[in-house]
Amino acid sequence: MVLGLSSPLAHKSAEEWAKRHKELGCGAVVFPVSCDEPEEKIDEYVRWAKKEGLDIAEVGIWRNALAPDEEERKKALDYSVRQLKMADRIGARCCVNIVGTSFGPIWDGAYAGNYSEEAWKQAVESIKYIIDKAEPKNTKFSIEPMPWMIPTSPEEYLKLIDAVDRDAFGVHMDMVNMINCPERYFFNTEFIEKCFTMLGDRICSCHIKDVLLREEFTFQLKECACGEGTLNLEKYAELATKADERMPMIIEHLNSDEDYLNSLKYTKERLKNYDYVNGKKILA
């Protein structure tokens, strides 16, 4: 495994961006430039990532490809295709989005309609459309799992892979996002093992963070920084490394660069049995 940050951190140039991540001990990065920016800028970031030996783990989309408004949906699909084409050109491991929803105003919101047959058909068709339009050769298109949005489990992810039926469709793993019930929370080690047993050979990139049960009634989970919850991070790192020695594990959803640096420092110490730059496990 190799660690990375979803934040590009404050920087003034592609050179500074790449060198700072390398100096911090990162082996992977999330690409900070979109397809809407000049090609020269895109290429400059790619050049410096390669020069510093940083894997481009992810190109993000983060648009609602199932938006109920037709114009918004068309724009989101077009952007998705262009981002995937860029990701393929620069050799990113994956181009990632969430499925999105047409059943409410919040694009990543929890709605009963997300569990409908209509939502399933919309998700499958949008993924097929994006892949077929972009025709990637080097990069996988992937969907980040969500607590209340397709896919919510490894079984559902496998079903989605079968339904999409495209070689260019890979798995993005966010373990915390699929911990949405007491069983998965309290027995997260077993759940991690299940996910990697079912999906390990298809995973392109992972998010690494933590989850904590609030001391309130009823069952409420809080996403948090690594070490502030109960997720078995060692098992997560072990199985990610077993699946791919250079599996990216990206720290995300923190509030400031300082938070990211503190979390990176903690995670490196916590996972010191793993060489997070070279992807090799140090201790058996």
C-alpha atoms as a PDB file:
ATOM      1  CA  MET A   1       0.000   0.000   0.000  1.00  0.00           C
ATOM      2  CA  VAL A   2       0.963   3.616  -0.434  1.00  0.00           C
ATOM      3  CA  LEU A   3      -0.563   6.518   1.475  1.00  0.00           C
ATOM      4  CA  GLY A   4      -1.929   9.698  -0.041  1.00  0.00           C
ATOM      5  CA  LEU A   5      -4.074  12.717   0.808  1.00  0.00           C
ATOM      6  CA  SER A   6      -7.287  13.838  -0.837  1.00  0.00           C
ATOM      7  CA  SER A   7      -6.148  17.425  -0.211  1.00  0.00           C
ATOM      8  CA  PRO A   8      -3.585  18.896  -2.628  1.00  0.00           C
ATOM      9  CA  LEU A   9      -2.293  20.988   0.321  1.00  0.00           C
ATOM     10  CA  ALA A  10      -1.481  24.645  -0.185  1.00  0.00           C
ATOM     11  CA  HIS A  11       0.975  25.052  -3.053  1.00  0.00           C
ATOM     12  CA  LYS A  12       1.969  27.511  -5.770  1.00  0.00           C
ATOM     13  CA  SER A  13       3.216  25.170  -8.490  1.00  0.00           C
ATOM     14  CA  ALA A  14       3.107  21.595  -9.694  1.00  0.00           C
ATOM     15  CA  GLU A  15       6.703  21.187  -8.576  1.00  0.00           C
ATOM     16  CA  GLU A  16       5.923  22.338  -5.036  1.00  0.00           C
ATOM     17  CA  TRP A  17       2.821  20.131  -4.934  1.00  0.00           C
ATOM     18  CA  ALA A  18       4.681  16.972  -5.944  1.00  0.00           C
ATOM     19  CA  LYS A  19       7.793  17.581  -3.857  1.00  0.00           C
ATOM     20  CA  ARG A  20       5.799  18.331  -0.727  1.00  0.00           C
ATOM     21  CA  HIS A  21       3.791  15.122  -0.992  1.00  0.00           C
ATOM     22  CA  LYS A  22       6.948  13.100  -1.581  1.00  0.00           C
ATOM     23  CA  GLU A  23       8.722  14.734   1.378  1.00  0.00           C
ATOM     24  CA  LEU A  24       5.753  13.879   3.606  1.00  0.00           C
ATOM     25  CA  GLY A  25       6.127  10.207   2.702  1.00  0.00           C
ATOM     26  CA  CYS A  26       3.170   9.914   0.340  1.00  0.00           C
ATOM     27  CA  GLY A  27       3.400   7.444  -2.505  1.00  0.00           C
ATOM     28  CA  ALA A  28       0.085   8.363  -4.139  1.00  0.00           C
ATOM     29  CA  VAL A  29      -1.832  11.542  -4.921  1.00  0.00           C
ATOM     30  CA  VAL A  30      -5.307  12.593  -5.942  1.00  0.00           C
ATOM     31  CA  PHE A  31      -4.961  14.595  -9.145  1.00  0.00           C
ATOM     32  CA  PRO A  32      -5.758  18.257  -8.330  1.00  0.00           C
ATOM     33  CA  VAL A  33      -6.388  19.533 -11.880  1.00  0.00           C
ATOM     34  CA  SER A  34      -9.623  19.095 -13.815  1.00  0.00           C
ATOM     35  CA  CYS A  35     -10.215  18.491 -17.505  1.00  0.00           C
ATOM     36  CA  ASP A  36     -11.529  22.058 -17.786  1.00  0.00           C
ATOM     37  CA  GLU A  37      -8.078  23.510 -17.127  1.00  0.00           C
ATOM     38  CA  PRO A  38      -5.381  24.080 -19.784  1.00  0.00           C
ATOM     39  CA  GLU A  39      -3.690  20.982 -21.138  1.00  0.00           C
ATOM     40  CA  GLU A  40      -0.301  22.480 -20.394  1.00  0.00           C
ATOM     41  CA  LYS A  41      -1.193  22.728 -16.695  1.00  0.00           C
ATOM     42  CA  ILE A  42      -2.466  19.153 -16.638  1.00  0.00           C
ATOM     43  CA  ASP A  43       0.736  17.886 -18.243  1.00  0.00           C
ATOM     44  CA  GLU A  44       2.906  19.864 -15.819  1.00  0.00           C
ATOM     45  CA  TYR A  45       1.278  18.164 -12.813  1.00  0.00           C
ATOM     46  CA  VAL A  46       1.627  14.773 -14.452  1.00  0.00           C
ATOM     47  CA  ARG A  47       5.298  15.418 -15.199  1.00  0.00           C
ATOM     48  CA  TRP A  48       6.099  16.333 -11.613  1.00  0.00           C
ATOM     49  CA  ALA A  49       4.119  13.444 -10.172  1.00  0.00           C
ATOM     50  CA  LYS A  50       6.148  11.056 -12.311  1.00  0.00           C
ATOM     51  CA  LYS A  51       9.409  12.829 -11.481  1.00  0.00           C
ATOM     52  CA  GLU A  52       8.757  12.393  -7.741  1.00  0.00           C
ATOM     53  CA  GLY A  53       7.574   8.788  -8.139  1.00  0.00           C
ATOM     54  CA  LEU A  54       3.986   9.518  -7.100  1.00  0.00           C
ATOM     55  CA  ASP A  55       1.185   7.285  -8.359  1.00  0.00           C
ATOM     56  CA  ILE A  56      -1.881   9.178  -9.554  1.00  0.00           C
ATOM     57  CA  ALA A  57      -4.451   7.226  -7.602  1.00  0.00           C
ATOM     58  CA  GLU A  58      -7.655   9.031  -8.441  1.00  0.00           C
ATOM     59  CA  VAL A  59      -9.280  11.606 -10.661  1.00  0.00           C
ATOM     60  CA  GLY A  60     -12.502  12.742  -9.010  1.00  0.00           C
ATOM     61  CA  ILE A  61     -15.761  13.651 -10.710  1.00  0.00           C
ATOM     62  CA  TRP A  62     -18.168  14.485  -7.859  1.00  0.00           C
ATOM     63  CA  ARG A  63     -21.134  15.489 -10.015  1.00  0.00           C
ATOM     64  CA  ASN A  64     -24.681  14.094  -9.977  1.00  0.00           C
ATOM     65  CA  ALA A  65     -24.898  11.948 -13.100  1.00  0.00           C
ATOM     66  CA  LEU A  66     -28.500  11.058 -12.146  1.00  0.00           C
ATOM     67  CA  ALA A  67     -29.691  14.608 -11.459  1.00  0.00           C
ATOM     68  CA  PRO A  68     -33.473  14.982 -11.906  1.00  0.00           C
ATOM     69  CA  ASP A  69     -32.937  18.202 -13.872  1.00  0.00           C
ATOM     70  CA  GLU A  70     -32.175  17.189 -17.454  1.00  0.00           C
ATOM     71  CA  GLU A  71     -29.722  20.008 -18.141  1.00  0.00           C
ATOM     72  CA  GLU A  72     -27.790  19.379 -14.925  1.00  0.00           C
ATOM     73  CA  ARG A  73     -27.703  15.660 -15.676  1.00  0.00           C
ATOM     74  CA  LYS A  74     -26.366  16.218 -19.211  1.00  0.00           C
ATOM     75  CA  LYS A  75     -23.640  18.523 -17.898  1.00  0.00           C
ATOM     76  CA  ALA A  76     -22.675  16.008 -15.221  1.00  0.00           C
ATOM     77  CA  LEU A  77     -22.478  13.147 -17.722  1.00  0.00           C
ATOM     78  CA  ASP A  78     -20.425  15.241 -20.131  1.00  0.00           C
ATOM     79  CA  TYR A  79     -18.013  16.232 -17.357  1.00  0.00           C
ATOM     80  CA  SER A  80     -17.780  12.595 -16.243  1.00  0.00           C
ATOM     81  CA  VAL A  81     -16.805  11.496 -19.741  1.00  0.00           C
ATOM     82  CA  ARG A  82     -14.207  14.247 -20.071  1.00  0.00           C
ATOM     83  CA  GLN A  83     -12.728  13.542 -16.644  1.00  0.00           C
ATOM     84  CA  LEU A  84     -12.455   9.847 -17.464  1.00  0.00           C
ATOM     85  CA  LYS A  85     -10.766  10.654 -20.786  1.00  0.00           C
ATOM     86  CA  MET A  86      -8.273  12.876 -18.968  1.00  0.00           C
ATOM     87  CA  ALA A  87      -7.689  10.229 -16.292  1.00  0.00           C
ATOM     88  CA  ASP A  88      -6.976   7.683 -19.004  1.00  0.00           C
ATOM     89  CA  ARG A  89      -4.583  10.012 -20.798  1.00  0.00           C
ATOM     90  CA  ILE A  90      -2.556  10.758 -17.661  1.00  0.00           C
ATOM     91  CA  GLY A  91      -2.503   7.126 -16.476  1.00  0.00           C
ATOM     92  CA  ALA A  92      -4.533   7.499 -13.278  1.00  0.00           C
ATOM     93  CA  ARG A  93      -5.513   4.296 -11.554  1.00  0.00           C
ATOM     94  CA  CYS A  94      -9.176   5.227 -11.491  1.00  0.00           C
ATOM     95  CA  CYS A  95     -11.670   7.962 -12.185  1.00  0.00           C
ATOM     96  CA  VAL A  96     -14.203   7.940  -9.372  1.00  0.00           C
ATOM     97  CA  ASN A  97     -17.665   9.255  -8.639  1.00  0.00           C
ATOM     98  CA  ILE A  98     -20.628   8.235  -6.538  1.00  0.00           C
ATOM     99  CA  VAL A  99     -23.747   7.021  -8.330  1.00  0.00           C
ATOM    100  CA  GLY A 100     -25.795  10.099  -7.425  1.00  0.00           C
ATOM    101  CA  THR A 101     -29.573  10.280  -7.124  1.00  0.00           C
ATOM    102  CA  SER A 102     -32.664  11.554  -8.891  1.00  0.00           C
ATOM    103  CA  PHE A 103     -34.871  11.250  -5.817  1.00  0.00           C
ATOM    104  CA  GLY A 104     -34.091  14.415  -3.865  1.00  0.00           C
ATOM    105  CA  PRO A 105     -32.271  17.754  -3.833  1.00  0.00           C
ATOM    106  CA  ILE A 106     -29.077  16.535  -2.139  1.00  0.00           C
ATOM    107  CA  TRP A 107     -26.907  14.758  -4.695  1.00  0.00           C
ATOM    108  CA  ASP A 108     -25.417  12.354  -2.145  1.00  0.00           C
ATOM    109  CA  GLY A 109     -28.542  12.256   0.017  1.00  0.00           C
ATOM    110  CA  ALA A 110     -30.369   9.346   1.624  1.00  0.00           C
ATOM    111  CA  TYR A 111     -33.744   8.697  -0.036  1.00  0.00           C
ATOM    112  CA  ALA A 112     -36.041   5.695  -0.184  1.00  0.00           C
ATOM    113  CA  GLY A 113     -35.922   5.937  -3.976  1.00  0.00           C
ATOM    114  CA  ASN A 114     -32.211   5.102  -3.908  1.00  0.00           C
ATOM    115  CA  TYR A 115     -33.237   1.497  -3.213  1.00  0.00           C
ATOM    116  CA  SER A 116     -35.687   1.264  -6.099  1.00  0.00           C
ATOM    117  CA  GLU A 117     -35.402  -0.709  -9.291  1.00  0.00           C
ATOM    118  CA  GLU A 118     -35.530   2.590 -11.155  1.00  0.00           C
ATOM    119  CA  ALA A 119     -32.427   3.820  -9.300  1.00  0.00           C
ATOM    120  CA  TRP A 120     -30.627   0.581 -10.146  1.00  0.00           C
ATOM    121  CA  LYS A 121     -31.411   0.900 -13.855  1.00  0.00           C
ATOM    122  CA  GLN A 122     -30.366   4.565 -13.875  1.00  0.00           C
ATOM    123  CA  ALA A 123     -27.059   3.732 -12.173  1.00  0.00           C
ATOM    124  CA  VAL A 124     -26.195   0.912 -14.567  1.00  0.00           C
ATOM    125  CA  GLU A 125     -27.067   2.912 -17.667  1.00  0.00           C
ATOM    126  CA  SER A 126     -25.130   6.003 -16.550  1.00  0.00           C
ATOM    127  CA  ILE A 127     -21.995   3.955 -15.839  1.00  0.00           C
ATOM    128  CA  LYS A 128     -22.249   2.207 -19.205  1.00  0.00           C
ATOM    129  CA  TYR A 129     -22.750   5.532 -20.964  1.00  0.00           C
ATOM    130  CA  ILE A 130     -19.702   7.158 -19.348  1.00  0.00           C
ATOM    131  CA  ILE A 131     -17.398   4.217 -20.072  1.00  0.00           C
ATOM    132  CA  ASP A 132     -18.628   3.731 -23.645  1.00  0.00           C
ATOM    133  CA  LYS A 133     -18.254   7.422 -24.482  1.00  0.00           C
ATOM    134  CA  ALA A 134     -14.794   7.764 -22.917  1.00  0.00           C
ATOM    135  CA  GLU A 135     -13.430   4.384 -24.075  1.00  0.00           C
ATOM    136  CA  PRO A 136     -10.621   4.252 -21.463  1.00  0.00           C
ATOM    137  CA  LYS A 137      -7.680   1.940 -22.077  1.00  0.00           C
ATOM    138  CA  ASN A 138      -5.454   2.605 -19.045  1.00  0.00           C
ATOM    139  CA  THR A 139      -7.826   3.718 -16.304  1.00  0.00           C
ATOM    140  CA  LYS A 140     -10.834   2.180 -14.582  1.00  0.00           C
ATOM    141  CA  PHE A 141     -14.043   4.051 -14.002  1.00  0.00           C
ATOM    142  CA  SER A 142     -15.226   3.334 -10.460  1.00  0.00           C
ATOM    143  CA  ILE A 143     -18.036   4.101  -8.071  1.00  0.00           C
ATOM    144  CA  GLU A 144     -17.382   4.907  -4.432  1.00  0.00           C
ATOM    145  CA  PRO A 145     -19.771   2.946  -2.184  1.00  0.00           C
ATOM    146  CA  MET A 146     -22.128   4.880   0.063  1.00  0.00           C
ATOM    147  CA  PRO A 147     -24.144   4.051   3.219  1.00  0.00           C
ATOM    148  CA  TRP A 148     -27.487   4.641   1.437  1.00  0.00           C
ATOM    149  CA  MET A 149     -26.641   4.613  -2.238  1.00  0.00           C
ATOM    150  CA  ILE A 150     -25.602   1.945  -4.750  1.00  0.00           C
ATOM    151  CA  PRO A 151     -23.431   0.053  -3.919  1.00  0.00           C
ATOM    152  CA  THR A 152     -23.884  -0.398  -0.165  1.00  0.00           C
ATOM    153  CA  SER A 153     -22.227  -3.823   0.164  1.00  0.00           C
ATOM    154  CA  PRO A 154     -19.649  -6.054  -1.548  1.00  0.00           C
ATOM    155  CA  GLU A 155     -22.478  -8.248  -2.809  1.00  0.00           C
ATOM    156  CA  GLU A 156     -24.175  -5.253  -4.395  1.00  0.00           C
ATOM    157  CA  TYR A 157     -20.873  -4.121  -5.903  1.00  0.00           C
ATOM    158  CA  LEU A 158     -20.414  -7.526  -7.556  1.00  0.00           C
ATOM    159  CA  LYS A 159     -23.980  -7.349  -8.846  1.00  0.00           C
ATOM    160  CA  LEU A 160     -23.236  -3.896 -10.257  1.00  0.00           C
ATOM    161  CA  ILE A 161     -20.052  -5.150 -11.953  1.00  0.00           C
ATOM    162  CA  ASP A 162     -22.032  -7.957 -13.595  1.00  0.00           C
ATOM    163  CA  ALA A 163     -24.785  -5.580 -14.715  1.00  0.00           C
ATOM    164  CA  VAL A 164     -22.391  -2.997 -16.167  1.00  0.00           C
ATOM    165  CA  ASP A 165     -20.352  -5.724 -17.883  1.00  0.00           C
ATOM    166  CA  ARG A 166     -17.451  -3.502 -18.912  1.00  0.00           C
ATOM    167  CA  ASP A 167     -13.764  -4.367 -18.480  1.00  0.00           C
ATOM    168  CA  ALA A 168     -13.075  -0.703 -17.736  1.00  0.00           C
ATOM    169  CA  PHE A 169     -15.272  -0.774 -14.620  1.00  0.00           C
ATOM    170  CA  GLY A 170     -13.281  -1.227 -11.406  1.00  0.00           C
ATOM    171  CA  VAL A 171     -13.872  -1.011  -7.666  1.00  0.00           C
ATOM    172  CA  HIS A 172     -13.217   1.958  -5.444  1.00  0.00           C
ATOM    173  CA  MET A 173     -13.084   0.851  -1.808  1.00  0.00           C
ATOM    174  CA  ASP A 174     -14.295   3.039   1.038  1.00  0.00           C
ATOM    175  CA  MET A 175     -14.724   0.699   3.969  1.00  0.00           C
ATOM    176  CA  VAL A 176     -16.241   3.262   6.324  1.00  0.00           C
ATOM    177  CA  ASN A 177     -18.932   4.241   3.814  1.00  0.00           C
ATOM    178  CA  MET A 178     -20.264   0.684   3.831  1.00  0.00           C
ATOM    179  CA  ILE A 179     -20.362   0.371   7.619  1.00  0.00           C
ATOM    180  CA  ASN A 180     -24.008   1.314   8.019  1.00  0.00           C
ATOM    181  CA  CYS A 181     -25.322  -1.105  10.658  1.00  0.00           C
ATOM    182  CA  PRO A 182     -24.333  -2.492  14.104  1.00  0.00           C
ATOM    183  CA  GLU A 183     -23.107  -5.809  12.719  1.00  0.00           C
ATOM    184  CA  ARG A 184     -20.616  -4.226  10.332  1.00  0.00           C
ATOM    185  CA  TYR A 185     -19.497  -1.742  12.992  1.00  0.00           C
ATOM    186  CA  PHE A 186     -18.885  -4.204  15.824  1.00  0.00           C
ATOM    187  CA  PHE A 187     -17.466  -6.911  13.549  1.00  0.00           C
ATOM    188  CA  ASN A 188     -15.604  -4.621  11.166  1.00  0.00           C
ATOM    189  CA  THR A 189     -12.584  -6.940  10.942  1.00  0.00           C
ATOM    190  CA  GLU A 190     -14.759  -9.685   9.527  1.00  0.00           C
ATOM    191  CA  PHE A 191     -16.461  -7.211   7.212  1.00  0.00           C
ATOM    192  CA  ILE A 192     -13.111  -5.940   5.902  1.00  0.00           C
ATOM    193  CA  GLU A 193     -12.048  -9.521   5.206  1.00  0.00           C
ATOM    194  CA  LYS A 194     -15.315 -10.199   3.388  1.00  0.00           C
ATOM    195  CA  CYS A 195     -14.927  -7.112   1.188  1.00  0.00           C
ATOM    196  CA  PHE A 196     -11.399  -8.004   0.121  1.00  0.00           C
ATOM    197  CA  THR A 197     -12.265 -11.661  -0.411  1.00  0.00           C
ATOM    198  CA  MET A 198     -15.076 -10.676  -2.764  1.00  0.00           C
ATOM    199  CA  LEU A 199     -13.598  -7.597  -4.446  1.00  0.00           C
ATOM    200  CA  GLY A 200      -9.840  -7.547  -3.803  1.00  0.00           C
ATOM    201  CA  ASP A 201      -8.665  -8.317  -7.315  1.00  0.00           C
ATOM    202  CA  ARG A 202     -10.860  -5.543  -8.747  1.00  0.00           C
ATOM    203  CA  ILE A 203      -9.967  -2.722  -6.322  1.00  0.00           C
ATOM    204  CA  CYS A 204      -8.129   0.252  -7.860  1.00  0.00           C
ATOM    205  CA  SER A 205      -7.881   2.638  -4.910  1.00  0.00           C
ATOM    206  CA  CYS A 206      -9.045   2.948  -1.285  1.00  0.00           C
ATOM    207  CA  HIS A 207     -10.059   5.700   1.100  1.00  0.00           C
ATOM    208  CA  ILE A 208      -8.752   5.329   4.641  1.00  0.00           C
ATOM    209  CA  LYS A 209     -10.447   6.985   7.608  1.00  0.00           C
ATOM    210  CA  ASP A 210     -12.266   5.808  10.736  1.00  0.00           C
ATOM    211  CA  VAL A 211     -15.741   5.403  12.202  1.00  0.00           C
ATOM    212  CA  LEU A 212     -17.096   5.841  15.730  1.00  0.00           C
ATOM    213  CA  LEU A 213     -20.409   4.928  17.347  1.00  0.00           C
ATOM    214  CA  ARG A 214     -21.889   7.962  19.100  1.00  0.00           C
ATOM    215  CA  GLU A 215     -23.005   7.505  22.698  1.00  0.00           C
ATOM    216  CA  GLU A 216     -26.550   8.513  21.839  1.00  0.00           C
ATOM    217  CA  PHE A 217     -29.838   6.812  21.200  1.00  0.00           C
ATOM    218  CA  THR A 218     -30.469   5.489  18.582  1.00  0.00           C
ATOM    219  CA  PHE A 219     -27.681   3.982  16.445  1.00  0.00           C
ATOM    220  CA  GLN A 220     -25.577   6.868  15.083  1.00  0.00           C
ATOM    221  CA  LEU A 221     -22.186   6.592  13.409  1.00  0.00           C
ATOM    222  CA  LYS A 222     -19.640   9.366  12.964  1.00  0.00           C
ATOM    223  CA  GLU A 223     -16.996   9.443  10.250  1.00  0.00           C
ATOM    224  CA  CYS A 224     -13.708  10.541  11.812  1.00  0.00           C
ATOM    225  CA  ALA A 225      -9.944  10.708  11.343  1.00  0.00           C
ATOM    226  CA  CYS A 226      -7.839   7.582  11.610  1.00  0.00           C
ATOM    227  CA  GLY A 227      -7.416   6.604  15.254  1.00  0.00           C
ATOM    228  CA  GLU A 228     -10.518   8.387  16.508  1.00  0.00           C
ATOM    229  CA  GLY A 229     -12.751   5.380  15.838  1.00  0.00           C
ATOM    230  CA  THR A 230     -12.701   1.601  16.011  1.00  0.00           C
ATOM    231  CA  LEU A 231     -11.906   0.468  12.451  1.00  0.00           C
ATOM    232  CA  ASN A 232      -9.223  -2.212  12.253  1.00  0.00           C
ATOM    233  CA  LEU A 233      -6.792  -0.117  10.222  1.00  0.00           C
ATOM    234  CA  GLU A 234      -4.056  -2.773  10.411  1.00  0.00           C
ATOM    235  CA  LYS A 235      -6.299  -5.388   8.794  1.00  0.00           C
ATOM    236  CA  TYR A 236      -7.399  -2.859   6.180  1.00  0.00           C
ATOM    237  CA  ALA A 237      -3.754  -2.070   5.311  1.00  0.00           C
ATOM    238  CA  GLU A 238      -2.747  -5.731   5.373  1.00  0.00           C
ATOM    239  CA  LEU A 239      -5.429  -6.832   2.933  1.00  0.00           C
ATOM    240  CA  ALA A 240      -4.964  -3.794   0.696  1.00  0.00           C
ATOM    241  CA  THR A 241      -1.247  -4.585   0.452  1.00  0.00           C
ATOM    242  CA  LYS A 242      -2.010  -8.235  -0.228  1.00  0.00           C
ATOM    243  CA  ALA A 243      -4.330  -7.216  -3.055  1.00  0.00           C
ATOM    244  CA  ASP A 244      -1.747  -4.825  -4.532  1.00  0.00           C
ATOM    245  CA  GLU A 245       1.634  -3.840  -3.094  1.00  0.00           C
ATOM    246  CA  ARG A 246       1.077  -0.298  -4.348  1.00  0.00           C
ATOM    247  CA  MET A 247      -2.588  -0.014  -3.467  1.00  0.00           C
ATOM    248  CA  PRO A 248      -3.342   3.682  -2.825  1.00  0.00           C
ATOM    249  CA  MET A 249      -4.938   4.417   0.540  1.00  0.00           C
ATOM    250  CA  ILE A 250      -6.138   8.014   0.516  1.00  0.00           C
ATOM    251  CA  ILE A 251      -6.827   9.972   3.707  1.00  0.00           C
ATOM    252  CA  GLU A 252      -9.915  12.154   3.199  1.00  0.00           C
ATOM    253  CA  HIS A 253     -12.654  14.376   4.637  1.00  0.00           C
ATOM    254  CA  LEU A 254     -10.620  16.490   7.033  1.00  0.00           C
ATOM    255  CA  ASN A 255     -11.069  20.212   7.559  1.00  0.00           C
ATOM    256  CA  SER A 256      -7.638  21.759   7.047  1.00  0.00           C
ATOM    257  CA  ASP A 257      -4.116  21.072   5.807  1.00  0.00           C
ATOM    258  CA  GLU A 258      -3.028  20.855   9.441  1.00  0.00           C
ATOM    259  CA  ASP A 259      -5.607  18.148  10.071  1.00  0.00           C
ATOM    260  CA  TYR A 260      -4.366  16.226   7.038  1.00  0.00           C
ATOM    261  CA  LEU A 261      -0.739  16.460   8.150  1.00  0.00           C
ATOM    262  CA  ASN A 262      -1.618  15.318  11.669  1.00  0.00           C
ATOM    263  CA  SER A 263      -3.665  12.415  10.344  1.00  0.00           C
ATOM    264  CA  LEU A 264      -0.903  11.408   7.931  1.00  0.00           C
ATOM    265  CA  LYS A 265       1.658  11.439  10.765  1.00  0.00           C
ATOM    266  CA  TYR A 266      -0.609   9.320  12.981  1.00  0.00           C
ATOM    267  CA  THR A 267      -1.479   6.861  10.226  1.00  0.00           C
ATOM    268  CA  LYS A 268       2.178   6.376   9.243  1.00  0.00           C
ATOM    269  CA  GLU A 269       3.048   5.621  12.877  1.00  0.00           C
ATOM    270  CA  ARG A 270       0.023   3.374  13.343  1.00  0.00           C
ATOM    271  CA  LEU A 271       0.893   1.420  10.202  1.00  0.00           C
ATOM    272  CA  LYS A 272       4.656   1.441  10.732  1.00  0.00           C
ATOM    273  CA  ASN A 273       4.830  -2.254   9.851  1.00  0.00           C
ATOM    274  CA  TYR A 274       4.171  -1.187   6.265  1.00  0.00           C
ATOM    275  CA  ASP A 275       6.447   0.733   3.928  1.00  0.00           C
ATOM    276  CA  TYR A 276       3.875   3.273   2.750  1.00  0.00           C
ATOM    277  CA  VAL A 277       6.144   4.635   0.001  1.00  0.00           C
ATOM    278  CA  ASN A 278       7.417   1.449  -1.609  1.00  0.00           C
ATOM    279  CA  GLY A 279       4.365  -0.675  -0.942  1.00  0.00           C
ATOM    280  CA  LYS A 280       6.222  -3.439   0.866  1.00  0.00           C
ATOM    281  CA  LYS A 281       5.242  -4.988   4.166  1.00  0.00           C
ATOM    282  CA  ILE A 282       8.226  -4.776   6.509  1.00  0.00           C
ATOM    283  CA  LEU A 283       7.163  -7.210   9.204  1.00  0.00           C
ATOM    284  CA  ALA A 284       5.367 -10.519   8.851  1.00  0.00           C
END
